[in-house]
PDB file of N, CA and C in Angstrom:
ATOM      1  N   MET A   1     -37.165 -46.718 -13.558  1.00  0.00           N
ATOM      2  CA  MET A   1     -37.459 -45.575 -14.169  1.00  0.00           C
ATOM      3  C   MET A   1     -36.987 -45.558 -15.535  1.00  0.00           C
ATOM      4  N   ALA A   2     -37.718 -44.959 -16.587  1.00  0.00           N
ATOM      5  CA  ALA A   2     -37.363 -44.988 -17.854  1.00  0.00           C
ATOM      6  C   ALA A   2     -36.092 -43.920 -18.153  1.00  0.00           C
ATOM      7  N   LYS A   3     -35.232 -44.363 -18.972  1.00  0.00           N
ATOM      8  CA  LYS A   3     -34.240 -43.354 -19.112  1.00  0.00           C
ATOM      9  C   LYS A   3     -34.528 -42.416 -20.474  1.00  0.00           C
ATOM     10  N   THR A   4     -34.027 -41.328 -20.489  1.00  0.00           N
ATOM     11  CA  THR A   4     -34.096 -40.531 -21.648  1.00  0.00           C
ATOM     12  C   THR A   4     -32.655 -40.024 -22.165  1.00  0.00           C
ATOM     13  N   GLN A   5     -32.653 -39.712 -23.338  1.00  0.00           N
ATOM     14  CA  GLN A   5     -31.272 -39.252 -23.777  1.00  0.00           C
ATOM     15  C   GLN A   5     -31.062 -37.709 -23.605  1.00  0.00           C
ATOM     16  N   LEU A   6     -29.895 -37.511 -23.279  1.00  0.00           N
ATOM     17  CA  LEU A   6     -29.573 -36.136 -22.897  1.00  0.00           C
ATOM     18  C   LEU A   6     -28.202 -35.811 -23.750  1.00  0.00           C
ATOM     19  N   GLY A   7     -28.211 -34.647 -24.409  1.00  0.00           N
ATOM     20  CA  GLY A   7     -27.180 -34.080 -25.179  1.00  0.00           C
ATOM     21  C   GLY A   7     -26.563 -32.989 -24.569  1.00  0.00           C
ATOM     22  N   ALA A   8     -25.222 -32.880 -24.622  1.00  0.00           N
ATOM     23  CA  ALA A   8     -24.411 -31.745 -23.912  1.00  0.00           C
ATOM     24  C   ALA A   8     -23.202 -31.484 -24.716  1.00  0.00           C
ATOM     25  N   ARG A   9     -22.928 -30.269 -24.899  1.00  0.00           N
ATOM     26  CA  ARG A   9     -21.683 -29.923 -25.609  1.00  0.00           C
ATOM     27  C   ARG A   9     -20.655 -29.421 -24.734  1.00  0.00           C
ATOM     28  N   VAL A  10     -19.413 -30.098 -24.639  1.00  0.00           N
ATOM     29  CA  VAL A  10     -18.432 -29.835 -23.675  1.00  0.00           C
ATOM     30  C   VAL A  10     -17.107 -29.815 -24.487  1.00  0.00           C
ATOM     31  N   ASP A  11     -16.072 -29.229 -23.930  1.00  0.00           N
ATOM     32  CA  ASP A  11     -14.717 -29.319 -24.472  1.00  0.00           C
ATOM     33  C   ASP A  11     -14.172 -30.725 -24.436  1.00  0.00           C
ATOM     34  N   ALA A  12     -13.312 -30.930 -25.387  1.00  0.00           N
ATOM     35  CA  ALA A  12     -12.683 -32.401 -25.482  1.00  0.00           C
ATOM     36  C   ALA A  12     -12.048 -32.742 -24.273  1.00  0.00           C
ATOM     37  N   GLU A  13     -11.483 -31.832 -23.560  1.00  0.00           N
ATOM     38  CA  GLU A  13     -10.730 -32.136 -22.347  1.00  0.00           C
ATOM     39  C   GLU A  13     -11.780 -32.595 -21.228  1.00  0.00           C
ATOM     40  N   ILE A  14     -12.963 -31.869 -21.070  1.00  0.00           N
ATOM     41  CA  ILE A  14     -13.910 -32.298 -20.219  1.00  0.00           C
ATOM     42  C   ILE A  14     -14.440 -33.644 -20.521  1.00  0.00           C
ATOM     43  N   LYS A  15     -14.711 -33.912 -21.809  1.00  0.00           N
ATOM     44  CA  LYS A  15     -15.127 -35.031 -22.046  1.00  0.00           C
ATOM     45  C   LYS A  15     -14.146 -36.268 -21.703  1.00  0.00           C
ATOM     46  N   GLN A  16     -12.953 -36.144 -21.995  1.00  0.00           N
ATOM     47  CA  GLN A  16     -11.939 -37.026 -21.506  1.00  0.00           C
ATOM     48  C   GLN A  16     -11.842 -37.262 -20.043  1.00  0.00           C
ATOM     49  N   LEU A  17     -11.849 -36.139 -19.233  1.00  0.00           N
ATOM     50  CA  LEU A  17     -11.835 -36.263 -17.862  1.00  0.00           C
ATOM     51  C   LEU A  17     -13.126 -36.996 -17.328  1.00  0.00           C
ATOM     52  N   ALA A  18     -14.282 -36.612 -17.934  1.00  0.00           N
ATOM     53  CA  ALA A  18     -15.538 -37.293 -17.517  1.00  0.00           C
ATOM     54  C   ALA A  18     -15.462 -38.882 -17.730  1.00  0.00           C
ATOM     55  N   GLU A  19     -15.030 -39.210 -18.913  1.00  0.00           N
ATOM     56  CA  GLU A  19     -14.903 -40.641 -19.400  1.00  0.00           C
ATOM     57  C   GLU A  19     -14.016 -41.377 -18.579  1.00  0.00           C
ATOM     58  N   ALA A  20     -12.778 -40.712 -18.081  1.00  0.00           N
ATOM     59  CA  ALA A  20     -11.744 -41.368 -17.248  1.00  0.00           C
ATOM     60  C   ALA A  20     -12.417 -41.576 -15.851  1.00  0.00           C
ATOM     61  N   ARG A  21     -13.104 -40.527 -15.286  1.00  0.00           N
ATOM     62  CA  ARG A  21     -13.551 -40.668 -13.965  1.00  0.00           C
ATOM     63  C   ARG A  21     -14.725 -41.694 -13.856  1.00  0.00           C
ATOM     64  N   ALA A  22     -15.613 -41.726 -14.889  1.00  0.00           N
ATOM     65  CA  ALA A  22     -16.659 -42.678 -14.983  1.00  0.00           C
ATOM     66  C   ALA A  22     -16.005 -44.090 -14.962  1.00  0.00           C
ATOM     67  N   ALA A  23     -14.920 -44.305 -15.737  1.00  0.00           N
ATOM     68  CA  ALA A  23     -14.165 -45.668 -15.878  1.00  0.00           C
ATOM     69  C   ALA A  23     -13.577 -45.863 -14.478  1.00  0.00           C
ATOM     70  N   ASP A  24     -13.004 -44.931 -13.895  1.00  0.00           N
ATOM     71  CA  ASP A  24     -12.532 -45.241 -12.495  1.00  0.00           C
ATOM     72  C   ASP A  24     -13.422 -45.661 -11.533  1.00  0.00           C
ATOM     73  N   ARG A  25     -14.684 -45.175 -11.637  1.00  0.00           N
ATOM     74  CA  ARG A  25     -15.837 -45.570 -10.794  1.00  0.00           C
ATOM     75  C   ARG A  25     -16.577 -46.813 -11.256  1.00  0.00           C
ATOM     76  N   GLY A  26     -16.210 -47.411 -12.425  1.00  0.00           N
ATOM     77  CA  GLY A  26     -16.798 -48.503 -13.065  1.00  0.00           C
ATOM     78  C   GLY A  26     -18.251 -48.094 -13.625  1.00  0.00           C
ATOM     79  N   LEU A  27     -18.450 -46.850 -13.997  1.00  0.00           N
ATOM     80  CA  LEU A  27     -19.887 -46.410 -14.520  1.00  0.00           C
ATOM     81  C   LEU A  27     -19.660 -45.999 -15.807  1.00  0.00           C
ATOM     82  N   SER A  28     -20.910 -46.134 -16.513  1.00  0.00           N
ATOM     83  CA  SER A  28     -21.057 -45.550 -17.856  1.00  0.00           C
ATOM     84  C   SER A  28     -20.940 -44.092 -17.745  1.00  0.00           C
ATOM     85  N   LEU A  29     -20.751 -43.379 -18.790  1.00  0.00           N
ATOM     86  CA  LEU A  29     -20.764 -41.862 -18.713  1.00  0.00           C
ATOM     87  C   LEU A  29     -22.041 -41.245 -18.294  1.00  0.00           C
ATOM     88  N   GLY A  30     -23.149 -41.978 -18.871  1.00  0.00           N
ATOM     89  CA  GLY A  30     -24.451 -41.422 -18.458  1.00  0.00           C
ATOM     90  C   GLY A  30     -24.661 -41.655 -16.999  1.00  0.00           C
ATOM     91  N   ASP A  31     -24.369 -42.893 -16.425  1.00  0.00           N
ATOM     92  CA  ASP A  31     -24.559 -43.134 -15.077  1.00  0.00           C
ATOM     93  C   ASP A  31     -23.709 -42.305 -14.121  1.00  0.00           C
ATOM     94  N   TYR A  32     -22.373 -41.989 -14.592  1.00  0.00           N
ATOM     95  CA  TYR A  32     -21.574 -41.001 -13.938  1.00  0.00           C
ATOM     96  C   TYR A  32     -22.317 -39.588 -13.792  1.00  0.00           C
ATOM     97  N   ILE A  33     -22.783 -39.156 -14.991  1.00  0.00           N
ATOM     98  CA  ILE A  33     -23.462 -37.858 -14.842  1.00  0.00           C
ATOM     99  C   ILE A  33     -24.700 -37.875 -13.930  1.00  0.00           C
ATOM    100  N   ALA A  34     -25.512 -38.987 -13.949  1.00  0.00           N
ATOM    101  CA  ALA A  34     -26.520 -39.073 -13.086  1.00  0.00           C
ATOM    102  C   ALA A  34     -26.078 -39.006 -11.673  1.00  0.00           C
ATOM    103  N   VAL A  35     -24.978 -39.636 -11.322  1.00  0.00           N
ATOM    104  CA  VAL A  35     -24.505 -39.672  -9.888  1.00  0.00           C
ATOM    105  C   VAL A  35     -24.119 -38.196  -9.415  1.00  0.00           C
ATOM    106  N   LEU A  36     -23.444 -37.591 -10.411  1.00  0.00           N
ATOM    107  CA  LEU A  36     -22.990 -36.171 -10.145  1.00  0.00           C
ATOM    108  C   LEU A  36     -24.175 -35.156  -9.909  1.00  0.00           C
ATOM    109  N   VAL A  37     -25.208 -35.397 -10.614  1.00  0.00           N
ATOM    110  CA  VAL A  37     -26.439 -34.469 -10.465  1.00  0.00           C
ATOM    111  C   VAL A  37     -27.055 -34.848  -9.139  1.00  0.00           C
ATOM    112  N   ARG A  38     -27.236 -36.182  -8.849  1.00  0.00           N
ATOM    113  CA  ARG A  38     -27.780 -36.630  -7.518  1.00  0.00           C
ATOM    114  C   ARG A  38     -26.910 -36.085  -6.475  1.00  0.00           C
ATOM    115  N   GLU A  39     -25.647 -36.237  -6.422  1.00  0.00           N
ATOM    116  CA  GLU A  39     -24.855 -35.803  -5.419  1.00  0.00           C
ATOM    117  C   GLU A  39     -25.039 -34.226  -5.236  1.00  0.00           C
ATOM    118  N   ASP A  40     -24.994 -33.508  -6.339  1.00  0.00           N
ATOM    119  CA  ASP A  40     -25.170 -32.013  -6.325  1.00  0.00           C
ATOM    120  C   ASP A  40     -26.424 -31.607  -5.852  1.00  0.00           C
ATOM    121  N   THR A  41     -27.623 -32.215  -6.139  1.00  0.00           N
ATOM    122  CA  THR A  41     -28.851 -31.731  -5.707  1.00  0.00           C
ATOM    123  C   THR A  41     -29.313 -32.417  -4.379  1.00  0.00           C
ATOM    124  N   GLY A  42     -28.742 -33.558  -3.928  1.00  0.00           N
ATOM    125  CA  GLY A  42     -29.032 -34.175  -2.794  1.00  0.00           C
ATOM    126  C   GLY A  42     -28.034 -34.098  -1.547  1.00  0.00           C
ATOM    127  N   GLY A  43     -26.892 -33.593  -1.913  1.00  0.00           N
ATOM    128  CA  GLY A  43     -25.818 -33.620  -1.060  1.00  0.00           C
ATOM    129  C   GLY A  43     -25.664 -32.364  -0.176  1.00  0.00           C
ATOM    130  N   LEU A  44     -26.712 -31.610   0.126  1.00  0.00           N
ATOM    131  CA  LEU A  44     -26.461 -30.421   0.898  1.00  0.00           C
ATOM    132  C   LEU A  44     -26.026 -30.574   2.304  1.00  0.00           C
ATOM    133  N   ARG A  45     -26.599 -31.646   2.991  1.00  0.00           N
ATOM    134  CA  ARG A  45     -26.238 -32.005   4.199  1.00  0.00           C
ATOM    135  C   ARG A  45     -24.618 -32.413   4.356  1.00  0.00           C
ATOM    136  N   GLN A  46     -24.280 -33.223   3.327  1.00  0.00           N
ATOM    137  CA  GLN A  46     -22.999 -33.700   3.456  1.00  0.00           C
ATOM    138  C   GLN A  46     -21.842 -32.528   3.113  1.00  0.00           C
ATOM    139  N   ARG A  47     -22.363 -31.700   2.187  1.00  0.00           N
ATOM    140  CA  ARG A  47     -21.527 -30.599   1.936  1.00  0.00           C
ATOM    141  C   ARG A  47     -21.339 -29.576   3.202  1.00  0.00           C
ATOM    142  N   GLY A  48     -22.452 -29.451   4.052  1.00  0.00           N
ATOM    143  CA  GLY A  48     -22.421 -28.660   5.136  1.00  0.00           C
ATOM    144  C   GLY A  48     -21.437 -29.319   6.213  1.00  0.00           C
ATOM    145  N   LEU A  49     -21.590 -30.703   6.441  1.00  0.00           N
ATOM    146  CA  LEU A  49     -20.654 -31.207   7.374  1.00  0.00           C
ATOM    147  C   LEU A  49     -19.204 -31.233   6.870  1.00  0.00           C
ATOM    148  N   ASP A  50     -18.937 -31.329   5.559  1.00  0.00           N
ATOM    149  CA  ASP A  50     -17.712 -31.209   5.103  1.00  0.00           C
ATOM    150  C   ASP A  50     -17.190 -29.801   5.303  1.00  0.00           C
ATOM    151  N   ALA A  51     -17.879 -28.864   5.020  1.00  0.00           N
ATOM    152  CA  ALA A  51     -17.476 -27.449   5.310  1.00  0.00           C
ATOM    153  C   ALA A  51     -17.156 -27.180   6.808  1.00  0.00           C
ATOM    154  N   ALA A  52     -17.941 -27.854   7.627  1.00  0.00           N
ATOM    155  CA  ALA A  52     -17.703 -27.731   9.134  1.00  0.00           C
ATOM    156  C   ALA A  52     -16.505 -28.267   9.489  1.00  0.00           C
ATOM    157  N   GLU A  53     -16.122 -29.500   8.877  1.00  0.00           N
ATOM    158  CA  GLU A  53     -14.927 -30.183   9.272  1.00  0.00           C
ATOM    159  C   GLU A  53     -13.749 -29.508   8.781  1.00  0.00           C
ATOM    160  N   ARG A  54     -13.805 -28.840   7.452  1.00  0.00           N
ATOM    161  CA  ARG A  54     -12.688 -28.106   7.077  1.00  0.00           C
ATOM    162  C   ARG A  54     -12.487 -26.820   7.999  1.00  0.00           C
ATOM    163  N   PHE A  55     -13.540 -26.182   8.385  1.00  0.00           N
ATOM    164  CA  PHE A  55     -13.493 -24.975   9.238  1.00  0.00           C
ATOM    165  C   PHE A  55     -12.737 -25.370  10.544  1.00  0.00           C
ATOM    166  N   LEU A  56     -13.235 -26.633  11.238  1.00  0.00           N
ATOM    167  CA  LEU A  56     -12.517 -26.806  12.404  1.00  0.00           C
ATOM    168  C   LEU A  56     -11.041 -27.307  12.278  1.00  0.00           C
ATOM    169  N   ALA A  57     -10.806 -27.979  11.138  1.00  0.00           N
ATOM    170  CA  ALA A  57      -9.429 -28.427  10.831  1.00  0.00           C
ATOM    171  C   ALA A  57      -8.398 -27.154  10.524  1.00  0.00           C
ATOM    172  N   GLU A  58      -8.986 -26.139   9.859  1.00  0.00           N
ATOM    173  CA  GLU A  58      -8.197 -24.881   9.586  1.00  0.00           C
ATOM    174  C   GLU A  58      -8.023 -24.005  10.976  1.00  0.00           C
ATOM    175  N   HIS A  59      -8.943 -24.086  11.801  1.00  0.00           N
ATOM    176  CA  HIS A  59      -8.939 -23.147  12.990  1.00  0.00           C
ATOM    177  C   HIS A  59      -8.715 -23.876  14.227  1.00  0.00           C
ATOM    178  N   GLN A  60      -8.255 -25.336  14.254  1.00  0.00           N
ATOM    179  CA  GLN A  60      -8.136 -25.833  15.490  1.00  0.00           C
ATOM    180  C   GLN A  60      -7.133 -25.299  16.315  1.00  0.00           C
ATOM    181  N   GLY A  61      -6.047 -24.739  15.748  1.00  0.00           N
ATOM    182  CA  GLY A  61      -5.041 -23.992  16.654  1.00  0.00           C
ATOM    183  C   GLY A  61      -5.519 -22.881  17.463  1.00  0.00           C
ATOM    184  N   VAL A  62      -6.506 -22.152  16.935  1.00  0.00           N
ATOM    185  CA  VAL A  62      -7.119 -21.015  17.618  1.00  0.00           C
ATOM    186  C   VAL A  62      -7.988 -21.609  18.868  1.00  0.00           C
ATOM    187  N   PHE A  63      -8.753 -22.704  18.611  1.00  0.00           N
ATOM    188  CA  PHE A  63      -9.509 -23.286  19.698  1.00  0.00           C
ATOM    189  C   PHE A  63      -8.537 -23.844  20.712  1.00  0.00           C
ATOM    190  N   ASP A  64      -7.479 -24.481  20.359  1.00  0.00           N
ATOM    191  CA  ASP A  64      -6.504 -24.959  21.299  1.00  0.00           C
ATOM    192  C   ASP A  64      -5.851 -23.931  22.140  1.00  0.00           C
ATOM    193  N   GLU A  65      -5.442 -22.749  21.492  1.00  0.00           N
ATOM    194  CA  GLU A  65      -4.881 -21.683  22.209  1.00  0.00           C
ATOM    195  C   GLU A  65      -5.917 -21.182  23.275  1.00  0.00           C
ATOM    196  N   ALA A  66      -7.197 -20.937  22.880  1.00  0.00           N
ATOM    197  CA  ALA A  66      -8.154 -20.454  23.722  1.00  0.00           C
ATOM    198  C   ALA A  66      -8.154 -21.434  25.026  1.00  0.00           C
ATOM    199  N   GLU A  67      -8.256 -22.657  24.842  1.00  0.00           N
ATOM    200  CA  GLU A  67      -8.416 -23.659  25.890  1.00  0.00           C
ATOM    201  C   GLU A  67      -7.115 -23.548  26.773  1.00  0.00           C
ATOM    202  N   ASP A  68      -5.994 -23.540  26.232  1.00  0.00           N
ATOM    203  CA  ASP A  68      -4.744 -23.480  26.940  1.00  0.00           C
ATOM    204  C   ASP A  68      -4.693 -22.158  27.818  1.00  0.00           C
ATOM    205  N   ALA A  69      -5.235 -21.005  27.188  1.00  0.00           N
ATOM    206  CA  ALA A  69      -5.196 -19.766  27.975  1.00  0.00           C
ATOM    207  C   ALA A  69      -6.186 -19.901  29.220  1.00  0.00           C
ATOM    208  N   ASP A  70      -7.312 -20.524  29.032  1.00  0.00           N
ATOM    209  CA  ASP A  70      -8.249 -20.631  29.892  1.00  0.00           C
ATOM    210  C   ASP A  70      -7.872 -21.547  31.154  1.00  0.00           C
ATOM    211  N   ARG A  71      -7.010 -22.563  30.698  1.00  0.00           N
ATOM    212  CA  ARG A  71      -6.495 -23.453  31.795  1.00  0.00           C
ATOM    213  C   ARG A  71      -5.466 -22.751  32.618  1.00  0.00           C
ATOM    214  N   HIS A  72      -4.765 -21.823  32.090  1.00  0.00           N
ATOM    215  CA  HIS A  72      -3.825 -21.158  32.831  1.00  0.00           C
ATOM    216  C   HIS A  72      -4.234 -19.770  33.470  1.00  0.00           C
ATOM    217  N   THR A  73      -5.487 -19.414  33.348  1.00  0.00           N
ATOM    218  CA  THR A  73      -6.182 -18.304  33.929  1.00  0.00           C
ATOM    219  C   THR A  73      -7.083 -18.627  35.013  1.00  0.00           C
ATOM    220  N   PRO A  74      -6.763 -18.388  36.273  1.00  0.00           N
ATOM    221  CA  PRO A  74      -7.775 -18.550  37.327  1.00  0.00           C
ATOM    222  C   PRO A  74      -9.101 -18.116  37.147  1.00  0.00           C
ATOM    223  N   GLY A  75     -10.118 -19.002  37.358  1.00  0.00           N
ATOM    224  CA  GLY A  75     -11.492 -18.468  37.266  1.00  0.00           C
ATOM    225  C   GLY A  75     -12.033 -18.484  35.752  1.00  0.00           C
ATOM    226  N   ALA A  76     -11.216 -18.648  34.760  1.00  0.00           N
ATOM    227  CA  ALA A  76     -11.617 -18.762  33.433  1.00  0.00           C
ATOM    228  C   ALA A  76     -12.240 -19.995  33.150  1.00  0.00           C
ATOM    229  N   HIS A  77     -13.234 -20.027  32.233  1.00  0.00           N
ATOM    230  CA  HIS A  77     -13.929 -21.186  31.719  1.00  0.00           C
ATOM    231  C   HIS A  77     -13.831 -21.273  30.248  1.00  0.00           C
ATOM    232  N   ALA A  78     -13.544 -22.334  29.613  1.00  0.00           N
ATOM    233  CA  ALA A  78     -13.708 -22.389  28.087  1.00  0.00           C
ATOM    234  C   ALA A  78     -15.067 -22.440  27.710  1.00  0.00           C
ATOM    235  N   ALA A  79     -15.468 -21.807  26.644  1.00  0.00           N
ATOM    236  CA  ALA A  79     -16.844 -21.941  26.115  1.00  0.00           C
ATOM    237  C   ALA A  79     -17.357 -23.064  25.576  1.00  0.00           C
TER     238      ALA A  79
END
């Protein structure tokens, strides 16, 4: 795919952060920005899975308490 030039104005701090993160990943700044765009536009499924994982982690105690209560209540069944 042919590449095209993109210009964007950002604060110096954002530029430094982007350059540092790109270097951490071994990417050029342009390739790093392309990765971010692809992740943002194509990562809906992964973001949903991540959100579900965070939800379960945050509320695991509630689920555990409900299961414990059901175990100690005759005739009760966990959902």
